């Protein structure tokens, strides 16, 4: 690959000449091609996709900057993004990653609670972004229930209907949307700053021992949505959740709403990958309906 355009962009925006002398592929992702670029005594993290996905990288940079403003959890600094030939790209600060420990998970739990205390007047965000490879609507709203109904569940179930999910899943999800307020009796969340796609694959520990999060799908919403996603694919461990709850106690209604929030992500996984995610979404929708009927 010719890195001339990328080298020039980095050099201009950092005011330091940069020439690639070494590149190394980085695994772990299924959406972008990633690599570490080294040269001129510096290293950067590069992600590549098709040229028509530049908006995805623009949104990622904006999301990382929004998270950084909260000054709660370390995120990689965006350096630049653009298009080079048939590919779009984003260049991020390269962070040296290390291991983990109970103390780190305790710190991470406290930091996430601190991030969530960074709030906004409205739910959503000023721009659209992506959740994985799927567009994520963030039309701002004053009411969380309306936002979650329209910009999260309805958005995904309409897409899933077009991709062949069962009619029972569509019907049950639409019934959940109609009864959505029932899940929020006595609970009115503030519009917290969220990572939006918080699972173990989007978290790490730097060699310094500092927690770091990346690959966000940023917006302002109910903090429980981040917690729910964090539990969907294995979770972060008891120390993390205990530290979070000690910093900002979790509402007693969270266990039910956890399924409600993760229905969005399972529908999204069906829309991206198909397969068994459809039956998982159907089971979740049936379980949720049983709670309110």
Protein backbone atom coordinates (compact mmCIF):
# COMPACT_ATOMS: atom_id res chain seq x y z
CA UNK A 1 0.00 0.00 0.00
CA UNK A 2 1.12 3.54 -0.77
CA UNK A 3 1.04 5.64 2.41
CA UNK A 4 1.96 8.95 0.78
CA UNK A 5 -1.44 10.64 1.38
CA UNK A 6 -1.59 9.40 4.95
CA UNK A 7 1.99 10.42 5.70
CA UNK A 8 1.26 13.91 4.37
CA UNK A 9 -1.93 14.25 6.43
CA UNK A 10 -0.17 13.13 9.62
CA UNK A 11 2.77 15.43 8.94
CA UNK A 12 0.56 18.46 8.35
CA UNK A 13 -1.71 17.94 11.35
CA UNK A 14 1.10 17.14 13.81
CA UNK A 15 3.52 19.70 12.38
CA UNK A 16 6.15 16.94 12.38
CA UNK A 17 7.37 15.12 9.27
CA UNK A 18 6.31 11.46 9.27
CA UNK A 19 7.47 8.73 6.90
CA UNK A 20 6.39 5.10 7.28
CA UNK A 21 9.33 2.74 7.65
CA UNK A 22 7.44 -0.23 9.07
CA UNK A 23 3.89 -1.55 9.03
CA UNK A 24 2.39 -4.42 11.00
CA UNK A 25 -1.12 -5.83 10.74
CA UNK A 26 -3.29 -5.79 13.85
CA UNK A 27 -5.99 -8.42 14.26
CA UNK A 28 -9.16 -8.52 16.33
CA UNK A 29 -11.62 -6.55 14.19
CA UNK A 30 -14.16 -7.74 11.65
CA UNK A 31 -15.17 -4.40 10.08
CA UNK A 32 -11.93 -2.59 9.28
CA UNK A 33 -8.39 -3.49 8.29
CA UNK A 34 -6.03 -2.30 11.02
CA UNK A 35 -2.28 -1.85 11.28
CA UNK A 36 0.45 -0.17 13.26
CA UNK A 37 2.50 2.35 11.32
CA UNK A 38 5.97 3.20 12.57
CA UNK A 39 8.56 5.70 11.42
CA UNK A 40 10.28 8.95 12.34
CA UNK A 41 10.54 7.70 15.94
CA UNK A 42 6.74 7.56 16.27
CA UNK A 43 3.93 5.04 15.86
CA UNK A 44 0.28 5.39 14.90
CA UNK A 45 -2.74 3.10 14.69
CA UNK A 46 -4.35 3.03 11.23
CA UNK A 47 -7.78 1.71 10.26
CA UNK A 48 -8.90 1.28 6.65
CA UNK A 49 -12.22 0.71 4.93
CA UNK A 50 -13.84 1.44 1.59
CA UNK A 51 -13.71 5.06 0.44
CA UNK A 52 -17.48 5.43 0.90
CA UNK A 53 -17.15 4.76 4.66
CA UNK A 54 -15.33 8.01 5.44
CA UNK A 55 -18.38 9.21 7.39
CA UNK A 56 -17.92 6.25 9.75
CA UNK A 57 -14.38 7.39 10.55
CA UNK A 58 -15.44 11.02 10.89
CA UNK A 59 -18.05 9.93 13.44
CA UNK A 60 -15.51 7.79 15.28
CA UNK A 61 -13.14 10.74 15.62
CA UNK A 62 -15.97 12.96 16.86
CA UNK A 63 -17.04 10.29 19.35
CA UNK A 64 -13.54 9.88 20.76
CA UNK A 65 -13.23 13.64 21.14
CA UNK A 66 -16.60 13.78 22.94
CA UNK A 67 -15.52 11.04 25.35
CA UNK A 68 -12.20 12.79 25.96
CA UNK A 69 -13.99 16.00 26.97
CA UNK A 70 -15.49 14.19 29.97
CA UNK A 71 -11.94 13.59 31.28
CA UNK A 72 -13.07 10.31 32.84
CA UNK A 73 -11.59 7.38 30.89
CA UNK A 74 -8.56 7.31 28.59
CA UNK A 75 -9.34 7.14 24.88
CA UNK A 76 -6.95 7.18 21.91
CA UNK A 77 -6.52 10.61 20.37
CA UNK A 78 -7.67 10.93 16.75
CA UNK A 79 -4.88 12.30 14.56
CA UNK A 80 -6.52 12.56 11.14
CA UNK A 81 -8.86 10.85 8.68
CA UNK A 82 -9.41 11.03 4.96
CA UNK A 83 -9.53 9.15 1.65
CA UNK A 84 -6.56 7.68 -0.18
CA UNK A 85 -7.43 6.08 -3.51
CA UNK A 86 -10.11 3.40 -2.99
CA UNK A 87 -9.86 3.51 0.79
CA UNK A 88 -10.94 5.74 3.64
CA UNK A 89 -8.84 5.80 6.76
CA UNK A 90 -8.51 7.07 10.29
CA UNK A 91 -5.21 7.52 12.12
CA UNK A 92 -5.20 7.31 15.91
CA UNK A 93 -2.59 7.66 18.57
CA UNK A 94 -0.95 4.27 19.10
CA UNK A 95 -1.24 3.01 22.67
CA UNK A 96 0.94 0.26 24.11
CA UNK A 97 -1.37 -2.26 25.72
CA UNK A 98 -0.65 -4.46 28.75
CA UNK A 99 -2.50 -6.83 31.09
CA UNK A 100 -5.27 -6.48 33.65
CA UNK A 101 -5.91 -6.96 37.37
CA UNK A 102 -8.66 -6.57 39.94
CA UNK A 103 -7.37 -3.12 40.82
CA UNK A 104 -7.64 -2.04 37.18
CA UNK A 105 -11.23 -3.30 36.91
CA UNK A 106 -12.12 -1.43 40.10
CA UNK A 107 -10.65 1.74 38.63
CA UNK A 108 -12.46 1.17 35.34
CA UNK A 109 -15.80 0.77 37.12
CA UNK A 110 -15.31 4.05 38.96
CA UNK A 111 -14.23 5.78 35.74
CA UNK A 112 -17.27 4.60 33.81
CA UNK A 113 -19.55 6.01 36.52
CA UNK A 114 -17.64 9.28 36.21
CA UNK A 115 -18.11 9.27 32.44
CA UNK A 116 -21.84 8.72 32.87
CA UNK A 117 -22.09 11.74 35.16
CA UNK A 118 -21.21 13.86 32.12
CA UNK A 119 -24.73 14.68 30.95
CA UNK A 120 -26.60 16.64 28.30
CA UNK A 121 -29.99 18.34 28.07
CA UNK A 122 -31.16 15.98 25.31
CA UNK A 123 -30.89 12.31 24.44
CA UNK A 124 -29.12 11.34 21.24
CA UNK A 125 -26.30 13.31 19.69
CA UNK A 126 -25.68 16.11 17.23
CA UNK A 127 -24.72 13.66 14.46
CA UNK A 128 -25.36 10.12 13.26
CA UNK A 129 -22.71 7.44 13.68
CA UNK A 130 -22.44 3.67 13.41
CA UNK A 131 -22.93 0.68 15.68
CA UNK A 132 -20.52 -1.83 14.21
CA UNK A 133 -21.09 -1.43 10.48
CA UNK A 134 -24.74 -0.39 10.88
CA UNK A 135 -25.92 3.23 10.75
CA UNK A 136 -26.97 4.48 14.19
CA UNK A 137 -29.64 7.18 14.30
CA UNK A 138 -29.09 9.79 17.01
CA UNK A 139 -31.90 12.28 16.35
CA UNK A 140 -32.01 14.34 19.52
CA UNK A 141 -35.06 14.11 21.76
CA UNK A 142 -36.19 15.42 25.15
CA UNK A 143 -37.78 12.09 26.09
CA UNK A 144 -35.66 8.96 26.56
CA UNK A 145 -38.53 6.52 26.00
CA UNK A 146 -39.40 8.14 22.68
CA UNK A 147 -35.74 8.21 21.65
CA UNK A 148 -35.18 4.56 22.48
CA UNK A 149 -38.40 3.53 20.76
CA UNK A 150 -37.75 5.34 17.50
CA UNK A 151 -33.97 5.65 17.12
CA UNK A 152 -33.06 2.29 18.60
CA UNK A 153 -35.69 -0.47 18.57
CA UNK A 154 -37.86 0.65 15.64
CA UNK A 155 -34.81 1.52 13.54
CA UNK A 156 -33.34 -1.98 14.02
CA UNK A 157 -36.55 -4.02 13.76
CA UNK A 158 -37.54 -2.35 10.50
CA UNK A 159 -34.13 -3.18 9.08
CA UNK A 160 -34.36 -6.73 10.42
CA UNK A 161 -37.82 -7.20 8.87
CA UNK A 162 -36.32 -6.38 5.49
CA UNK A 163 -33.60 -8.98 6.10
CA UNK A 164 -35.94 -11.85 6.90
CA UNK A 165 -36.30 -11.97 10.66
CA UNK A 166 -39.43 -13.84 11.73
CA UNK A 167 -42.80 -12.09 11.79
CA UNK A 168 -43.21 -13.08 15.46
CA UNK A 169 -40.03 -11.17 16.34
CA UNK A 170 -41.27 -8.14 14.43
CA UNK A 171 -44.71 -8.30 16.06
CA UNK A 172 -43.32 -8.80 19.56
CA UNK A 173 -40.79 -6.00 19.21
CA UNK A 174 -43.51 -3.64 18.00
CA UNK A 175 -45.62 -4.61 21.01
CA UNK A 176 -42.64 -3.88 23.27
CA UNK A 177 -42.32 -0.44 21.69
CA UNK A 178 -46.00 0.21 22.41
CA UNK A 179 -45.53 -0.81 26.06
CA UNK A 180 -42.08 0.73 26.48
CA UNK A 181 -43.14 3.18 29.20
CA UNK A 182 -44.04 0.21 31.43
CA UNK A 183 -40.35 -0.66 31.74
CA UNK A 184 -39.59 2.79 33.17
CA UNK A 185 -42.16 3.10 35.97
CA UNK A 186 -40.51 5.16 38.71
CA UNK A 187 -37.27 5.47 36.76
CA UNK A 188 -36.25 8.59 34.83
CA UNK A 189 -32.64 8.45 33.65
CA UNK A 190 -30.55 11.52 32.83
CA UNK A 191 -28.93 11.84 29.40
CA UNK A 192 -25.49 10.42 30.23
CA UNK A 193 -22.54 10.37 27.87
CA UNK A 194 -22.24 6.76 26.66
CA UNK A 195 -19.56 4.78 24.88
CA UNK A 196 -22.43 3.09 23.07
CA UNK A 197 -20.70 -0.19 22.15
CA UNK A 198 -19.08 -1.13 25.43
CA UNK A 199 -17.88 -4.73 25.49
CA UNK A 200 -14.55 -6.38 26.23
CA UNK A 201 -13.40 -6.07 22.61
CA UNK A 202 -13.58 -2.27 22.85
CA UNK A 203 -11.69 -2.04 26.14
CA UNK A 204 -8.08 -2.59 27.10
CA UNK A 205 -5.40 -1.84 29.66
CA UNK A 206 -2.35 0.15 28.69
CA UNK A 207 1.13 -1.02 29.67
CA UNK A 208 1.01 1.73 32.31
CA UNK A 209 -1.97 -0.05 33.90
CA UNK A 210 -4.46 2.61 32.80
CA UNK A 211 -7.87 1.50 31.43
CA UNK A 212 -8.70 2.64 27.91
CA UNK A 213 -11.81 2.43 25.71
CA UNK A 214 -12.06 2.75 21.93
CA UNK A 215 -14.29 2.07 18.89
CA UNK A 216 -17.22 4.06 20.34
CA UNK A 217 -20.78 4.48 19.11
CA UNK A 218 -21.15 7.64 21.16
CA UNK A 219 -24.43 9.30 22.17
CA UNK A 220 -26.24 10.57 25.27
CA UNK A 221 -28.66 8.11 26.84
CA UNK A 222 -29.53 5.96 29.84
CA UNK A 223 -26.31 4.82 31.52
CA UNK A 224 -27.86 1.37 31.93
CA UNK A 225 -27.50 0.87 28.17
CA UNK A 226 -23.69 0.86 28.52
CA UNK A 227 -23.86 -1.47 31.51
CA UNK A 228 -26.19 -3.84 29.68
CA UNK A 229 -23.96 -4.04 26.62
CA UNK A 230 -20.95 -4.65 28.84
CA UNK A 231 -22.64 -7.82 30.14
CA UNK A 232 -23.81 -9.15 26.77
CA UNK A 233 -20.62 -10.96 25.75
CA UNK A 234 -19.08 -12.04 29.03
CA UNK A 235 -18.89 -8.90 31.13
CA UNK A 236 -16.03 -7.22 32.98
CA UNK A 237 -16.11 -9.13 36.25
CA UNK A 238 -17.50 -8.61 39.73
CA UNK A 239 -14.94 -5.98 40.76
CA UNK A 240 -15.92 -3.70 37.89
CA UNK A 241 -19.66 -3.76 38.61
CA UNK A 242 -19.19 -3.46 42.37
CA UNK A 243 -17.01 -0.38 41.90
CA UNK A 244 -19.51 1.16 39.50
CA UNK A 245 -22.43 0.52 41.86
CA UNK A 246 -20.49 1.97 44.80
CA UNK A 247 -19.80 5.12 42.76
CA UNK A 248 -23.35 5.46 41.39
CA UNK A 249 -25.87 2.86 42.61
CA UNK A 250 -27.69 0.94 39.89
CA UNK A 251 -31.51 1.06 39.94
CA UNK A 252 -33.39 -2.05 41.09
CA UNK A 253 -35.19 -2.24 37.73
CA UNK A 254 -31.96 -2.69 35.79
CA UNK A 255 -32.06 -6.51 35.43
CA UNK A 256 -35.20 -6.30 33.26
CA UNK A 257 -34.10 -3.24 31.31
CA UNK A 258 -30.76 -4.98 30.66
CA UNK A 259 -32.59 -7.36 28.33
CA UNK A 260 -34.47 -4.44 26.79
CA UNK A 261 -31.24 -2.62 25.97
CA UNK A 262 -29.47 -5.71 24.70
CA UNK A 263 -32.34 -6.48 22.34
CA UNK A 264 -31.10 -3.51 20.32
CA UNK A 265 -27.63 -5.01 20.04
CA UNK A 266 -28.85 -8.52 19.19
CA UNK A 267 -31.10 -7.10 16.46
CA UNK A 268 -28.07 -5.21 15.18
CA UNK A 269 -26.02 -8.41 15.16
CA UNK A 270 -28.78 -10.10 13.18
CA UNK A 271 -28.70 -7.23 10.71
CA UNK A 272 -24.93 -7.55 10.35
CA UNK A 273 -24.44 -11.33 10.58
CA UNK A 274 -27.82 -13.09 10.44
CA UNK A 275 -27.83 -16.63 11.77
CA UNK A 276 -28.82 -17.48 15.32
CA UNK A 277 -29.11 -13.87 16.40
CA UNK A 278 -32.66 -13.91 15.00
CA UNK A 279 -33.82 -16.65 17.36
CA UNK A 280 -32.00 -14.96 20.24
CA UNK A 281 -33.84 -11.72 19.51
CA UNK A 282 -37.14 -13.61 19.39
CA UNK A 283 -36.49 -15.18 22.80
CA UNK A 284 -35.54 -11.83 24.30
CA UNK A 285 -38.63 -10.13 22.91
CA UNK A 286 -40.89 -12.87 24.31
CA UNK A 287 -39.19 -12.59 27.71
CA UNK A 288 -39.68 -8.82 27.76
CA UNK A 289 -43.34 -9.04 26.78
CA UNK A 290 -43.93 -11.43 29.67
CA UNK A 291 -42.74 -8.69 32.03
CA UNK A 292 -45.42 -6.20 30.95
CA UNK A 293 -48.40 -8.36 29.95
